[in-house]
Amino acid sequence: MNEIQVWTLAIVFCTFLLYIGIAIWSRASTTGEFYIAGKGVPAISNGMATAADWMSAASFISMAGLIAFSGRDGARYLMGWTGGYVLLALLLAPYLRRFGKFTVPDFVGDRYYSTTARLVAVLCALFISFTYVVGQMGGVGIVFARFLEIEPWQGVVVGMFIVFFYAVLGGMKGITYTQVAQYCVLIFAFMVPAIFISIQFTGIPFPQLGFGAALTGTELGLLEKLDGLSEELGFTRYTDGSLGTVDMVCITAALMLGTAGLPHVIVRFYTVKKVSDARLSAFYALLFIAILYTTAPAVAAFARTNLLDQTRDLAPEQAPDWFKTWEGIKLIQWEDKNEDGLIQYTGPHAAELGLPENELTVSPDIMVLANPEIAGLPDWVVGLVAAGALAAALSTAAGLLLVISTAFAHDLVKKVFVPDLTEKTELFLARIGAGAAVIVAGWISLDPPGFVGEVVAFAFGLAAASFFPVILLGIFWKRMNREGAIAGMITGILFTGTYIIYFKIIAPELNTTENWWFGISPEGIGTIGMLVNFTFAILVSLITPPPPKHILKLVDRVRLPQTHGG
């Protein structure tokens, strides 16, 4: 066992011990504690937990990697996810908290006075949450595969057992306080190497400032150097984009509107004591999220620069240890196409420059994890980043599993099939549902339909296409009725899900710009699905009977949270 593994295991073990200890200390004993932590979480703690819940493996592991490889185009993740949280805080969170139920299907079922609408919402929540949790479990597998030097599928199995323990035992109460600890771990783990590498490159300890500063000993800026390196090797300039404008807008909108419709994020606003705390916790969450999101572009640029510098015309025997390790688990792959014995890392324009064809494939998911090793940072920093990545993946996975278990036990079994279900039995079924969800999500993540960030983007698109319109219209348009809600959710999620499944699973060989509908990728199709949802929901509502009077009064009550208290 090498020194990196020793540090990694020691730090990960200590953090896991902390998480499990918190889960035992805050063990849920009632359905109120299991679903919404008894509505007793302070705003700042809820903000921190929400940030951890929301900053998943996609944010920690994959986002900086995506920006590193796509340059300007990667801004869609920053703008979409951050803007979506602002939208959620302003438009939805306080109103849903005023409604006072446990879940989004609860809101849909009561607002649209329909068991059928509730059932459709449950199925949408399960589909979205399973898609999202697959990405998280995939991230867990990558971390364990690298630092335990095992196969990724074995890493997924290890992660399944850990998530099962503290999510099933603690419920929302345990998850909330565990996520507070996980946020502290993940943000410290993300910032420490970023600060070190910023000092290496620019002498400035603030990565956000180092990103735009001149490199140490030169007058050349970081982005100027990166543009130059990229062009020399046949890549598009780092500060230029290659995505079509329509696709860029659609992906950003899907991520933004999907954020405002994600059930595992929305449920967090039910855990605070009153409506004003829901608004305040949204503010805190955005503040905590901004720390990582303003740092990610700098991390991406540092990692990309180091990668290009260290892989140019490299002989395999000269490859650094980090390269060989990631190659061993197939997240870096080299094929000597011209048989010259050198690793040629070139871009799509290599032929125009007289360069050899590209021989190196690097997964975007490794960039943050490999960054400390590439930069030559101490071994304990490498271990710290592993612990942070696991904290990010596991915190979100736990929140998603809770949504799945709640949808099964509370929204499906109790509200649809067995109304007189006892609290003890409901709690037991919720834990069974969470356990089953861990197993199914782990199994699917053994062969995911894309890298971590891509899979998570699909979940956001599905949420935008299914939940966002019915929640928004349910709050702000009294004429919206059950028939419209059912029609909108079904058409929106079917359209979006079919498009994604076709291009990512049924016919991946056709997943190219030429074959996409209006040039819109599977990542961005959720925006069109949302428009389909809005169209059907509004048209069907207008040609069917209006909601009953007690629903109109309910909408008035939900829309006046400040007037009516918390």
Protein backbone atom coordinates (compact mmCIF):
# COMPACT_ATOMS: atom_id res chain seq x y z
CA MET A 1 0.00 0.00 0.00
CA ASN A 2 1.53 3.32 -1.07
CA GLU A 3 1.54 6.56 0.92
CA ILE A 4 -1.34 8.10 -1.03
CA GLN A 5 -3.55 5.11 -0.22
CA VAL A 6 -2.61 5.29 3.46
CA TRP A 7 -3.53 8.99 3.67
CA THR A 8 -6.71 8.43 1.67
CA LEU A 9 -7.92 5.53 3.78
CA ALA A 10 -7.12 7.37 7.01
CA ILE A 11 -8.96 10.57 6.03
CA VAL A 12 -11.90 8.75 4.45
CA PHE A 13 -12.22 6.45 7.46
CA CYS A 14 -12.28 9.40 9.88
CA THR A 15 -14.89 11.27 7.87
CA PHE A 16 -17.08 8.16 7.52
CA LEU A 17 -16.82 7.56 11.24
CA LEU A 18 -18.08 11.12 11.74
CA TYR A 19 -21.01 10.63 9.33
CA ILE A 20 -22.09 7.34 10.86
CA GLY A 21 -21.79 8.75 14.37
CA ILE A 22 -24.06 11.65 13.42
CA ALA A 23 -26.56 9.25 11.81
CA ILE A 24 -26.75 7.19 15.01
CA TRP A 25 -27.02 10.28 17.22
CA SER A 26 -29.83 11.77 15.12
CA ARG A 27 -31.69 8.55 14.35
CA ALA A 28 -35.26 9.21 13.18
CA SER A 29 -37.98 7.73 15.39
CA THR A 30 -41.06 9.23 13.68
CA THR A 31 -42.15 9.76 10.09
CA GLY A 32 -41.92 13.54 10.66
CA GLU A 33 -38.25 13.18 11.60
CA PHE A 34 -37.63 10.69 8.79
CA TYR A 35 -39.23 12.82 6.06
CA ILE A 36 -38.61 16.45 7.12
CA ALA A 37 -36.41 16.31 10.26
CA GLY A 38 -39.34 17.38 12.46
CA LYS A 39 -39.32 20.89 10.91
CA GLY A 40 -36.71 21.89 13.48
CA VAL A 41 -33.53 22.58 11.48
CA PRO A 42 -31.98 26.09 11.90
CA ALA A 43 -31.77 28.14 8.70
CA ILE A 44 -27.96 28.23 8.53
CA SER A 45 -27.69 24.47 9.12
CA ASN A 46 -30.36 23.83 6.52
CA GLY A 47 -28.52 26.12 4.09
CA MET A 48 -25.31 24.18 4.59
CA ALA A 49 -27.11 20.84 4.28
CA THR A 50 -28.91 22.04 1.15
CA ALA A 51 -25.60 23.11 -0.38
CA ALA A 52 -24.13 19.67 0.31
CA ASP A 53 -27.29 17.98 -0.99
CA TRP A 54 -27.18 20.02 -4.16
CA MET A 55 -23.41 20.03 -4.80
CA SER A 56 -23.28 16.44 -5.88
CA ALA A 57 -20.55 14.38 -7.48
CA ALA A 58 -21.38 16.31 -10.64
CA SER A 59 -20.42 19.61 -9.00
CA PHE A 60 -17.37 18.34 -7.12
CA ILE A 61 -15.94 15.71 -9.48
CA SER A 62 -17.35 16.39 -12.92
CA MET A 63 -18.08 20.09 -13.35
CA ALA A 64 -14.48 21.35 -13.27
CA GLY A 65 -13.55 18.44 -15.56
CA LEU A 66 -16.26 19.40 -18.01
CA ILE A 67 -15.07 23.02 -17.99
CA ALA A 68 -11.46 21.84 -18.38
CA PHE A 69 -12.32 19.96 -21.58
CA SER A 70 -15.01 22.22 -23.04
CA GLY A 71 -13.69 25.65 -22.02
CA ARG A 72 -16.23 28.40 -22.51
CA ASP A 73 -18.98 25.87 -23.23
CA GLY A 74 -18.64 24.60 -19.67
CA ALA A 75 -20.16 27.87 -18.46
CA ARG A 76 -23.57 26.30 -19.10
CA TYR A 77 -23.18 24.29 -15.90
CA LEU A 78 -22.17 27.29 -13.83
CA MET A 79 -24.95 29.49 -15.16
CA GLY A 80 -27.61 26.81 -15.22
CA TRP A 81 -27.13 25.34 -11.77
CA THR A 82 -26.48 28.64 -10.00
CA GLY A 83 -29.26 30.52 -11.77
CA GLY A 84 -31.63 27.66 -11.06
CA TYR A 85 -31.04 27.96 -7.38
CA VAL A 86 -31.91 31.68 -7.45
CA LEU A 87 -35.09 30.80 -9.32
CA LEU A 88 -35.97 28.15 -6.75
CA ALA A 89 -35.39 30.49 -3.82
CA LEU A 90 -37.45 33.34 -5.29
CA LEU A 91 -40.29 31.56 -7.05
CA LEU A 92 -40.95 28.27 -5.30
CA ALA A 93 -39.33 27.63 -1.93
CA PRO A 94 -41.39 29.92 0.34
CA TYR A 95 -44.68 28.98 -1.29
CA LEU A 96 -44.03 25.26 -1.06
CA ARG A 97 -42.97 25.65 2.56
CA ARG A 98 -46.23 27.47 3.25
CA PHE A 99 -48.10 24.53 1.74
CA GLY A 100 -46.58 22.46 4.53
CA LYS A 101 -46.55 18.94 3.06
CA PHE A 102 -43.66 16.50 2.93
CA THR A 103 -43.06 16.13 -0.79
CA VAL A 104 -43.66 17.41 -4.30
CA PRO A 105 -46.17 14.60 -5.02
CA ASP A 106 -47.98 15.75 -1.86
CA PHE A 107 -48.25 19.25 -3.33
CA VAL A 108 -49.36 17.93 -6.71
CA GLY A 109 -51.91 15.53 -5.22
CA ASP A 110 -53.55 18.13 -2.98
CA ARG A 111 -53.26 21.16 -5.27
CA TYR A 112 -54.73 19.20 -8.17
CA TYR A 113 -57.24 17.31 -5.99
CA SER A 114 -56.40 14.04 -7.71
CA THR A 115 -54.98 10.65 -6.76
CA THR A 116 -54.04 10.15 -10.40
CA ALA A 117 -52.03 13.40 -10.45
CA ARG A 118 -50.29 12.28 -7.25
CA LEU A 119 -49.47 8.92 -8.80
CA VAL A 120 -48.03 10.53 -11.94
CA ALA A 121 -45.94 12.84 -9.74
CA VAL A 122 -44.67 9.86 -7.74
CA LEU A 123 -43.58 8.08 -10.91
CA CYS A 124 -41.87 11.26 -12.17
CA ALA A 125 -40.08 11.72 -8.83
CA LEU A 126 -38.85 8.12 -8.90
CA PHE A 127 -37.64 8.38 -12.50
CA ILE A 128 -35.81 11.68 -11.87
CA SER A 129 -34.29 10.56 -8.58
CA PHE A 130 -33.09 7.23 -9.95
CA THR A 131 -31.46 8.97 -12.90
CA TYR A 132 -29.76 11.43 -10.55
CA VAL A 133 -28.61 8.85 -8.00
CA VAL A 134 -27.06 6.72 -10.76
CA GLY A 135 -24.67 9.60 -11.41
CA GLN A 136 -23.79 9.85 -7.72
CA MET A 137 -23.11 6.15 -7.33
CA GLY A 138 -20.99 6.28 -10.47
CA GLY A 139 -18.93 9.05 -8.85
CA VAL A 140 -18.50 6.97 -5.70
CA GLY A 141 -17.29 4.07 -7.83
CA ILE A 142 -14.68 6.25 -9.55
CA VAL A 143 -13.28 7.53 -6.25
CA PHE A 144 -13.04 4.11 -4.64
CA ALA A 145 -11.65 2.58 -7.84
CA ARG A 146 -8.78 5.06 -7.90
CA PHE A 147 -7.80 5.15 -4.26
CA LEU A 148 -8.44 1.52 -3.33
CA GLU A 149 -7.12 0.44 -6.76
CA ILE A 150 -10.15 -1.75 -7.40
CA GLU A 151 -12.60 -1.98 -10.29
CA PRO A 152 -15.20 0.84 -10.50
CA TRP A 153 -18.06 -1.63 -10.01
CA GLN A 154 -16.47 -2.79 -6.76
CA GLY A 155 -16.24 0.84 -5.66
CA VAL A 156 -19.98 1.24 -6.34
CA VAL A 157 -20.72 -1.77 -4.10
CA VAL A 158 -18.67 -0.28 -1.24
CA GLY A 159 -20.52 3.03 -1.62
CA MET A 160 -23.89 1.25 -1.61
CA PHE A 161 -23.28 -0.21 1.84
CA ILE A 162 -22.20 3.14 3.30
CA VAL A 163 -25.15 5.12 1.88
CA PHE A 164 -27.56 2.39 2.94
CA PHE A 165 -26.43 2.61 6.53
CA TYR A 166 -26.80 6.29 7.29
CA ALA A 167 -29.64 7.13 4.85
CA VAL A 168 -31.88 4.28 5.95
CA LEU A 169 -31.11 4.68 9.64
CA GLY A 170 -31.24 8.44 10.07
CA GLY A 171 -33.83 9.57 7.54
CA MET A 172 -33.99 13.31 6.85
CA LYS A 173 -32.96 14.18 10.39
CA GLY A 174 -29.81 12.08 10.19
CA ILE A 175 -29.11 13.09 6.59
CA THR A 176 -29.45 16.81 7.36
CA TYR A 177 -26.84 16.88 10.12
CA THR A 178 -24.63 14.45 8.22
CA GLN A 179 -24.76 16.80 5.25
CA VAL A 180 -23.65 19.74 7.39
CA ALA A 181 -20.50 17.77 8.19
CA GLN A 182 -20.16 16.67 4.56
CA TYR A 183 -20.34 20.25 3.33
CA CYS A 184 -17.48 21.22 5.62
CA VAL A 185 -15.43 18.28 4.34
CA LEU A 186 -16.15 18.78 0.65
CA ILE A 187 -15.60 22.55 0.57
CA PHE A 188 -12.33 22.26 2.52
CA ALA A 189 -11.21 19.46 0.22
CA PHE A 190 -12.05 21.46 -2.90
CA MET A 191 -10.44 24.71 -1.76
CA VAL A 192 -7.13 23.44 -0.31
CA PRO A 193 -5.65 22.12 -3.60
CA ALA A 194 -7.15 25.06 -5.51
CA ILE A 195 -5.34 27.51 -3.20
CA PHE A 196 -2.06 25.57 -3.41
CA ILE A 197 -2.15 25.37 -7.21
CA SER A 198 -3.13 29.03 -7.55
CA ILE A 199 -0.04 29.94 -5.52
CA GLN A 200 2.08 27.64 -7.74
CA PHE A 201 0.82 29.26 -10.94
CA THR A 202 0.39 32.90 -9.98
CA GLY A 203 1.57 33.46 -6.42
CA ILE A 204 -2.00 34.49 -5.49
CA PRO A 205 -3.74 32.40 -2.79
CA PHE A 206 -7.25 33.15 -4.08
CA PRO A 207 -8.08 30.87 -7.03
CA GLN A 208 -10.84 33.20 -8.23
CA LEU A 209 -8.23 35.96 -8.67
CA GLY A 210 -5.49 33.63 -9.86
CA PHE A 211 -7.75 32.54 -12.70
CA GLY A 212 -7.37 35.94 -14.36
CA ALA A 213 -3.84 36.78 -13.20
CA ALA A 214 -0.48 36.60 -14.94
CA LEU A 215 1.59 33.45 -14.45
CA THR A 216 4.54 33.65 -12.08
CA GLY A 217 7.68 34.94 -13.81
CA THR A 218 5.89 35.97 -17.00
CA GLU A 219 3.51 38.59 -18.31
CA LEU A 220 1.37 35.85 -19.85
CA GLY A 221 -2.05 35.25 -18.33
CA LEU A 222 -3.27 31.76 -17.45
CA LEU A 223 -6.01 31.80 -20.08
CA GLU A 224 -3.61 33.16 -22.72
CA LYS A 225 -1.21 30.30 -22.06
CA LEU A 226 -4.04 27.79 -22.14
CA ASP A 227 -5.34 29.20 -25.43
CA GLY A 228 -1.84 28.91 -26.88
CA LEU A 229 -1.30 25.35 -25.68
CA SER A 230 -4.70 24.31 -26.99
CA GLU A 231 -4.10 25.75 -30.46
CA GLU A 232 -0.61 24.24 -30.69
CA LEU A 233 -2.07 20.78 -30.10
CA GLY A 234 -5.01 21.15 -32.47
CA PHE A 235 -7.75 21.92 -29.97
CA THR A 236 -10.21 24.81 -30.17
CA ARG A 237 -9.08 27.85 -28.19
CA TYR A 238 -10.03 27.32 -24.55
CA THR A 239 -11.89 30.63 -24.39
CA ASP A 240 -13.87 29.85 -27.55
CA GLY A 241 -16.92 27.63 -27.68
CA SER A 242 -17.99 24.89 -30.07
CA LEU A 243 -21.59 24.31 -28.95
CA GLY A 244 -24.36 25.70 -31.12
CA THR A 245 -26.16 28.71 -29.66
CA VAL A 246 -29.53 26.94 -29.53
CA ASP A 247 -28.09 23.91 -27.76
CA MET A 248 -26.15 26.10 -25.32
CA VAL A 249 -29.31 28.02 -24.41
CA CYS A 250 -31.39 24.84 -24.10
CA ILE A 251 -28.87 23.07 -21.85
CA THR A 252 -28.49 26.13 -19.60
CA ALA A 253 -32.27 26.54 -19.36
CA ALA A 254 -32.80 22.83 -18.65
CA LEU A 255 -30.25 22.92 -15.84
CA MET A 256 -31.71 26.13 -14.44
CA LEU A 257 -35.38 25.12 -14.56
CA GLY A 258 -34.54 21.56 -13.55
CA THR A 259 -32.92 22.87 -10.37
CA ALA A 260 -36.20 24.53 -9.49
CA GLY A 261 -38.05 21.23 -9.98
CA LEU A 262 -35.76 18.74 -8.25
CA PRO A 263 -37.72 16.95 -5.51
CA HIS A 264 -34.72 16.25 -3.25
CA VAL A 265 -33.83 19.98 -3.19
CA ILE A 266 -37.40 21.20 -2.74
CA VAL A 267 -38.02 18.91 0.25
CA ARG A 268 -35.19 20.63 2.13
CA PHE A 269 -37.36 23.73 2.55
CA TYR A 270 -39.88 21.72 4.55
CA THR A 271 -37.31 21.00 7.27
CA VAL A 272 -37.16 24.55 8.68
CA LYS A 273 -39.47 26.00 11.33
CA LYS A 274 -41.17 28.76 9.31
CA VAL A 275 -41.45 30.38 5.88
CA SER A 276 -38.97 33.18 6.63
CA ASP A 277 -36.42 30.49 7.51
CA ALA A 278 -37.02 28.87 4.11
CA ARG A 279 -36.00 32.12 2.40
CA LEU A 280 -33.03 32.58 4.73
CA SER A 281 -31.79 29.03 4.27
CA ALA A 282 -32.00 29.52 0.49
CA PHE A 283 -29.75 32.58 0.87
CA TYR A 284 -27.25 30.66 3.00
CA ALA A 285 -27.26 27.74 0.58
CA LEU A 286 -26.52 30.01 -2.38
CA LEU A 287 -23.67 31.62 -0.43
CA PHE A 288 -22.15 28.22 0.43
CA ILE A 289 -22.62 26.97 -3.13
CA ALA A 290 -20.95 30.08 -4.57
CA ILE A 291 -17.68 29.28 -2.79
CA LEU A 292 -17.23 26.13 -4.87
CA TYR A 293 -18.78 27.44 -8.06
CA THR A 294 -16.60 30.54 -8.27
CA THR A 295 -13.54 28.34 -7.73
CA ALA A 296 -14.39 25.63 -10.29
CA PRO A 297 -13.34 27.60 -13.43
CA ALA A 298 -9.91 28.24 -11.91
CA VAL A 299 -9.50 24.56 -10.95
CA ALA A 300 -10.48 23.59 -14.50
CA ALA A 301 -7.94 25.94 -16.10
CA PHE A 302 -5.13 24.86 -13.74
CA ALA A 303 -5.84 21.17 -14.36
CA ARG A 304 -6.08 21.57 -18.13
CA THR A 305 -2.83 23.51 -18.33
CA ASN A 306 -0.97 20.90 -16.28
CA LEU A 307 -2.47 18.05 -18.29
CA LEU A 308 -1.41 19.52 -21.64
CA ASP A 309 2.06 20.38 -20.32
CA GLN A 310 2.69 16.90 -18.89
CA THR A 311 1.35 14.74 -21.73
CA ARG A 312 3.08 16.31 -24.73
CA ASP A 313 5.14 13.75 -26.70
CA LEU A 314 5.50 11.63 -23.58
CA ALA A 315 7.03 8.16 -23.73
CA PRO A 316 5.00 5.60 -21.72
CA GLU A 317 7.99 4.75 -19.50
CA GLN A 318 8.27 8.46 -18.64
CA ALA A 319 4.62 8.75 -17.68
CA PRO A 320 4.09 9.95 -14.09
CA ASP A 321 2.58 7.65 -11.48
CA TRP A 322 -0.81 9.39 -11.59
CA PHE A 323 -1.07 8.68 -15.32
CA LYS A 324 -0.33 4.98 -14.88
CA THR A 325 -2.76 4.63 -11.99
CA TRP A 326 -5.70 6.15 -13.85
CA GLU A 327 -4.74 4.16 -16.95
CA GLY A 328 -4.90 1.02 -14.80
CA ILE A 329 -8.60 1.58 -14.10
CA LYS A 330 -9.28 2.58 -17.73
CA LEU A 331 -10.25 6.22 -17.07
CA ILE A 332 -7.19 7.22 -19.10
CA GLN A 333 -6.64 5.18 -22.26
CA TRP A 334 -3.73 5.32 -24.70
CA GLU A 335 -3.54 3.64 -28.10
CA ASP A 336 -0.26 3.99 -30.05
CA LYS A 337 -1.90 4.54 -33.44
CA ASN A 338 1.24 5.60 -35.34
CA GLU A 339 3.47 3.14 -33.42
CA ASP A 340 6.13 5.74 -32.62
CA GLY A 341 6.17 4.88 -28.91
CA LEU A 342 5.03 8.36 -27.85
CA ILE A 343 1.77 9.48 -26.29
CA GLN A 344 0.21 11.96 -28.71
CA TYR A 345 -2.53 14.10 -27.15
CA THR A 346 -3.97 16.20 -29.96
CA GLY A 347 -7.29 17.83 -30.83
CA PRO A 348 -9.76 17.61 -33.73
CA HIS A 349 -7.73 20.11 -35.80
CA ALA A 350 -4.46 18.14 -35.51
CA ALA A 351 -4.42 17.10 -39.18
CA GLU A 352 -4.59 20.74 -40.33
CA LEU A 353 -1.44 21.46 -38.29
CA GLY A 354 0.42 18.38 -39.47
CA LEU A 355 0.15 16.71 -36.06
CA PRO A 356 -0.46 12.98 -35.43
CA GLU A 357 -3.98 11.69 -34.75
CA ASN A 358 -5.04 11.81 -31.10
CA GLU A 359 -4.04 8.69 -29.14
CA LEU A 360 -5.15 9.65 -25.64
CA THR A 361 -8.64 9.52 -24.10
CA VAL A 362 -9.11 11.17 -20.69
CA SER A 363 -12.38 10.99 -18.73
CA PRO A 364 -13.53 14.45 -17.54
CA ASP A 365 -14.49 12.79 -14.25
CA ILE A 366 -10.86 12.37 -13.17
CA MET A 367 -9.66 15.95 -13.47
CA VAL A 368 -10.49 17.17 -9.95
CA LEU A 369 -9.38 13.90 -8.36
CA ALA A 370 -6.13 13.77 -10.31
CA ASN A 371 -5.43 17.49 -10.06
CA PRO A 372 -3.40 17.37 -6.80
CA GLU A 373 -1.25 14.52 -8.14
CA ILE A 374 -0.71 16.25 -11.49
CA ALA A 375 0.37 19.40 -9.64
CA GLY A 376 2.69 17.44 -7.34
CA LEU A 377 0.89 18.37 -4.11
CA PRO A 378 1.47 16.44 -0.85
CA ASP A 379 -0.12 12.99 -0.49
CA TRP A 380 -2.45 14.13 2.29
CA VAL A 381 -4.03 16.65 -0.10
CA VAL A 382 -4.78 13.80 -2.53
CA GLY A 383 -6.47 11.89 0.29
CA LEU A 384 -8.41 14.98 1.33
CA VAL A 385 -9.79 15.43 -2.19
CA ALA A 386 -10.95 11.80 -2.21
CA ALA A 387 -12.80 12.37 1.06
CA GLY A 388 -14.39 15.53 -0.35
CA ALA A 389 -15.52 13.77 -3.50
CA LEU A 390 -17.11 10.99 -1.48
CA ALA A 391 -18.80 13.55 0.78
CA ALA A 392 -20.29 15.29 -2.28
CA ALA A 393 -21.51 12.07 -3.89
CA LEU A 394 -22.84 10.46 -0.73
CA SER A 395 -24.62 13.56 0.57
CA THR A 396 -26.66 13.91 -2.61
CA ALA A 397 -27.20 10.16 -2.94
CA ALA A 398 -28.64 10.08 0.58
CA GLY A 399 -31.02 12.97 -0.16
CA LEU A 400 -32.18 11.30 -3.36
CA LEU A 401 -32.72 7.97 -1.65
CA LEU A 402 -34.87 9.71 0.92
CA VAL A 403 -37.02 11.17 -1.87
CA ILE A 404 -37.38 7.70 -3.37
CA SER A 405 -38.29 6.09 -0.05
CA THR A 406 -40.76 8.89 0.77
CA ALA A 407 -42.38 8.67 -2.65
CA PHE A 408 -42.82 4.94 -2.16
CA ALA A 409 -44.00 4.76 1.45
CA HIS A 410 -45.82 8.08 1.94
CA ASP A 411 -47.04 9.18 -1.49
CA LEU A 412 -47.73 5.79 -3.03
CA VAL A 413 -48.56 3.26 -0.30
CA LYS A 414 -50.15 5.54 2.32
CA LYS A 415 -51.78 8.19 0.14
CA VAL A 416 -52.94 5.93 -2.69
CA PHE A 417 -53.37 2.34 -1.49
CA VAL A 418 -53.47 2.11 2.34
CA PRO A 419 -54.73 5.41 3.85
CA ASP A 420 -54.93 3.98 7.40
CA LEU A 421 -51.31 2.81 7.41
CA THR A 422 -49.75 3.18 10.86
CA GLU A 423 -46.77 5.48 11.35
CA LYS A 424 -44.58 2.56 12.46
CA THR A 425 -45.39 0.55 9.33
CA GLU A 426 -44.93 3.59 7.10
CA LEU A 427 -41.48 4.22 8.60
CA PHE A 428 -40.57 0.56 8.07
CA LEU A 429 -41.70 0.70 4.42
CA ALA A 430 -39.75 3.94 3.87
CA ARG A 431 -36.58 2.21 5.05
CA ILE A 432 -37.31 -0.83 2.88
CA GLY A 433 -37.85 1.52 -0.08
CA ALA A 434 -34.53 3.29 0.56
CA GLY A 435 -32.71 -0.03 0.79
CA ALA A 436 -34.21 -1.29 -2.45
CA ALA A 437 -33.37 2.01 -4.15
CA VAL A 438 -29.71 1.70 -3.10
CA ILE A 439 -29.48 -1.72 -4.71
CA VAL A 440 -31.23 -0.74 -7.95
CA ALA A 441 -29.31 2.55 -8.33
CA GLY A 442 -26.02 0.79 -7.65
CA TRP A 443 -26.80 -1.86 -10.23
CA ILE A 444 -27.69 0.69 -12.93
CA SER A 445 -24.60 2.79 -12.18
CA LEU A 446 -22.36 -0.17 -13.02
CA ASP A 447 -22.95 0.73 -16.67
CA PRO A 448 -24.18 4.37 -16.74
CA PRO A 449 -25.30 6.08 -19.97
CA GLY A 450 -22.59 8.75 -19.69
CA PHE A 451 -20.07 10.38 -17.37
CA VAL A 452 -21.21 11.74 -14.01
CA GLY A 453 -22.04 15.30 -15.03
CA GLU A 454 -23.85 14.17 -18.15
CA VAL A 455 -26.07 11.70 -16.29
CA VAL A 456 -26.94 14.35 -13.70
CA ALA A 457 -27.78 16.83 -16.48
CA PHE A 458 -30.34 14.31 -17.76
CA ALA A 459 -32.03 14.31 -14.34
CA PHE A 460 -32.25 18.10 -14.42
CA GLY A 461 -33.83 17.98 -17.87
CA LEU A 462 -36.40 15.45 -16.68
CA ALA A 463 -37.23 17.62 -13.65
CA ALA A 464 -37.64 20.70 -15.85
CA ALA A 465 -39.94 18.80 -18.21
CA SER A 466 -42.15 17.28 -15.52
CA PHE A 467 -42.30 19.23 -12.24
CA PHE A 468 -41.37 22.83 -12.94
CA PRO A 469 -44.48 23.76 -15.00
CA VAL A 470 -47.03 22.10 -12.70
CA ILE A 471 -45.49 23.63 -9.57
CA LEU A 472 -45.20 27.11 -11.09
CA LEU A 473 -48.70 27.07 -12.59
CA GLY A 474 -50.08 25.47 -9.44
CA ILE A 475 -48.87 28.44 -7.39
CA PHE A 476 -49.47 31.34 -9.76
CA TRP A 477 -52.38 30.34 -12.03
CA LYS A 478 -55.68 29.50 -10.34
CA ARG A 479 -57.23 28.12 -13.54
CA MET A 480 -54.72 25.27 -13.66
CA ASN A 481 -56.60 22.04 -12.97
CA ARG A 482 -55.96 18.34 -12.48
CA GLU A 483 -56.49 17.39 -16.13
CA GLY A 484 -53.94 19.96 -17.23
CA ALA A 485 -51.41 18.88 -14.61
CA ILE A 486 -51.70 15.21 -15.55
CA ALA A 487 -51.48 15.92 -19.29
CA GLY A 488 -48.50 18.26 -18.83
CA MET A 489 -46.44 15.93 -16.62
CA ILE A 490 -47.06 12.86 -18.80
CA THR A 491 -46.29 14.53 -22.12
CA GLY A 492 -43.29 16.45 -20.77
CA ILE A 493 -41.49 13.53 -19.17
CA LEU A 494 -42.39 11.05 -21.93
CA PHE A 495 -41.06 13.36 -24.63
CA THR A 496 -37.85 14.13 -22.73
CA GLY A 497 -37.24 10.60 -21.45
CA THR A 498 -37.81 9.06 -24.88
CA TYR A 499 -35.37 11.48 -26.53
CA ILE A 500 -32.65 10.80 -23.95
CA ILE A 501 -33.14 7.02 -23.96
CA TYR A 502 -33.12 6.86 -27.76
CA PHE A 503 -29.86 8.76 -28.25
CA LYS A 504 -28.02 7.49 -25.15
CA ILE A 505 -29.17 3.86 -24.92
CA ILE A 506 -31.05 2.64 -28.01
CA ALA A 507 -28.99 4.32 -30.75
CA PRO A 508 -25.86 5.91 -29.24
CA GLU A 509 -24.16 5.77 -32.64
CA LEU A 510 -26.66 8.39 -33.84
CA ASN A 511 -25.95 10.76 -30.93
CA THR A 512 -24.46 13.51 -33.09
CA THR A 513 -25.38 17.11 -33.87
CA GLU A 514 -26.60 16.14 -37.35
CA ASN A 515 -29.20 13.75 -35.92
CA TRP A 516 -30.42 15.85 -32.98
CA TRP A 517 -33.77 17.57 -33.29
CA PHE A 518 -32.98 21.21 -34.23
CA GLY A 519 -29.42 20.57 -33.06
CA ILE A 520 -30.50 20.13 -29.42
CA SER A 521 -28.54 17.51 -27.46
CA PRO A 522 -30.06 15.04 -24.97
CA GLU A 523 -28.68 17.30 -22.20
CA GLY A 524 -30.75 20.24 -23.43
CA ILE A 525 -33.94 18.54 -24.58
CA GLY A 526 -35.54 19.05 -21.15
CA THR A 527 -36.16 22.68 -22.14
CA ILE A 528 -38.29 21.57 -25.08
CA GLY A 529 -39.97 18.99 -22.84
CA MET A 530 -40.84 21.80 -20.43
CA LEU A 531 -42.45 23.81 -23.25
CA VAL A 532 -44.41 20.71 -24.25
CA ASN A 533 -45.56 20.38 -20.64
CA PHE A 534 -46.62 24.04 -20.43
CA THR A 535 -48.48 23.81 -23.76
CA PHE A 536 -50.50 20.72 -22.88
CA ALA A 537 -51.11 21.82 -19.29
CA ILE A 538 -52.51 25.21 -20.29
CA LEU A 539 -54.56 24.01 -23.28
CA VAL A 540 -56.09 21.06 -21.44
CA SER A 541 -56.86 23.24 -18.39
CA LEU A 542 -58.68 25.77 -20.57
CA ILE A 543 -60.96 23.18 -22.23
CA THR A 544 -61.80 21.28 -19.03
CA PRO A 545 -63.73 22.34 -15.89
CA PRO A 546 -61.99 24.82 -13.53
CA PRO A 547 -60.74 23.73 -10.09
CA PRO A 548 -63.28 23.65 -7.22
CA LYS A 549 -63.60 26.65 -4.89
CA HIS A 550 -61.70 25.07 -1.99
CA ILE A 551 -58.67 24.69 -4.29
CA LEU A 552 -58.86 28.36 -5.27
CA LYS A 553 -58.79 29.25 -1.56
CA LEU A 554 -55.83 26.89 -1.09
CA VAL A 555 -53.91 28.70 -3.85
CA ASP A 556 -54.61 32.04 -2.19
CA ARG A 557 -53.30 30.73 1.12
CA VAL A 558 -50.14 29.29 -0.46
CA ARG A 559 -49.42 32.51 -2.36
CA LEU A 560 -49.52 34.70 0.76
CA PRO A 561 -46.85 33.10 2.98
CA GLN A 562 -45.82 36.28 4.78
CA THR A 563 -49.38 37.39 5.55
CA HIS A 564 -50.42 34.08 7.03
CA GLY A 565 -47.31 33.32 9.02
CA GLY A 566 -45.12 30.25 8.96
